[in-house]
């Protein structure tokens, strides 16, 4: 099992009410994964496949 990826700084847009931070479009890149772009493409593909399967029943 691999360890946690390194912490990377993120663009911060905090709201005082929620304390949430607005990140970039690729959460894997924010988490420091070396293959972040590939991971994002795979997730988008899997999501599209799941939607087709759900539509077809």
Protein backbone atom coordinates (compact mmCIF):
# COMPACT_ATOMS: atom_id res chain seq x y z
CA UNK A 1 0.00 0.00 0.00
CA UNK A 2 1.42 3.35 -0.90
CA UNK A 3 1.65 6.34 1.42
CA UNK A 4 -0.31 9.54 1.15
CA UNK A 5 0.63 11.87 -1.70
CA UNK A 6 2.46 15.07 -0.85
CA UNK A 7 0.45 18.11 0.15
CA UNK A 8 0.28 20.74 -2.57
CA UNK A 9 -0.89 24.32 -2.19
CA UNK A 10 -4.31 25.09 -3.64
CA UNK A 11 -5.92 28.27 -4.86
CA UNK A 12 -8.02 29.38 -1.92
CA UNK A 13 -11.40 31.04 -2.09
CA UNK A 14 -12.78 30.54 1.39
CA UNK A 15 -16.13 31.65 2.63
CA UNK A 16 -16.41 32.31 6.33
CA UNK A 17 -19.76 30.53 6.59
CA UNK A 18 -18.64 27.17 5.20
CA UNK A 19 -14.88 27.19 5.50
CA UNK A 20 -14.70 25.43 2.13
CA UNK A 21 -11.98 26.07 -0.40
CA UNK A 22 -12.56 26.28 -4.13
CA UNK A 23 -10.12 24.02 -5.88
CA UNK A 24 -9.09 23.33 -9.43
CA UNK A 25 -10.96 21.06 -11.80
CA UNK A 26 -8.67 18.09 -11.10
CA UNK A 27 -8.74 16.93 -7.51
CA UNK A 28 -6.06 14.32 -8.28
CA UNK A 29 -3.63 17.07 -9.28
CA UNK A 30 -4.39 18.92 -6.05
CA UNK A 31 -3.62 15.76 -4.10
CA UNK A 32 -0.27 15.47 -5.83
CA UNK A 33 -0.76 12.36 -7.95
CA UNK A 34 1.82 12.10 -10.73
CA UNK A 35 -0.71 10.63 -13.17
CA UNK A 36 -3.51 13.05 -12.29
CA UNK A 37 -4.59 13.78 -15.86
CA UNK A 38 -4.91 10.08 -16.70
CA UNK A 39 -6.88 9.46 -13.52
CA UNK A 40 -9.29 12.28 -14.34
CA UNK A 41 -9.84 10.96 -17.89
CA UNK A 42 -10.54 7.48 -16.51
CA UNK A 43 -13.09 8.80 -14.03
CA UNK A 44 -14.86 10.83 -16.72
CA UNK A 45 -14.98 7.76 -18.98
CA UNK A 46 -16.31 5.54 -16.19
CA UNK A 47 -18.96 8.15 -15.36
CA UNK A 48 -20.09 8.32 -18.99
CA UNK A 49 -20.29 4.51 -19.18
CA UNK A 50 -22.28 4.36 -15.94
CA UNK A 51 -24.78 6.94 -17.29
CA UNK A 52 -25.29 4.92 -20.48
CA UNK A 53 -25.84 1.74 -18.48
CA UNK A 54 -28.34 3.49 -16.18
CA UNK A 55 -30.21 4.94 -19.16
CA UNK A 56 -30.50 1.57 -20.88
CA UNK A 57 -31.61 -0.08 -17.67
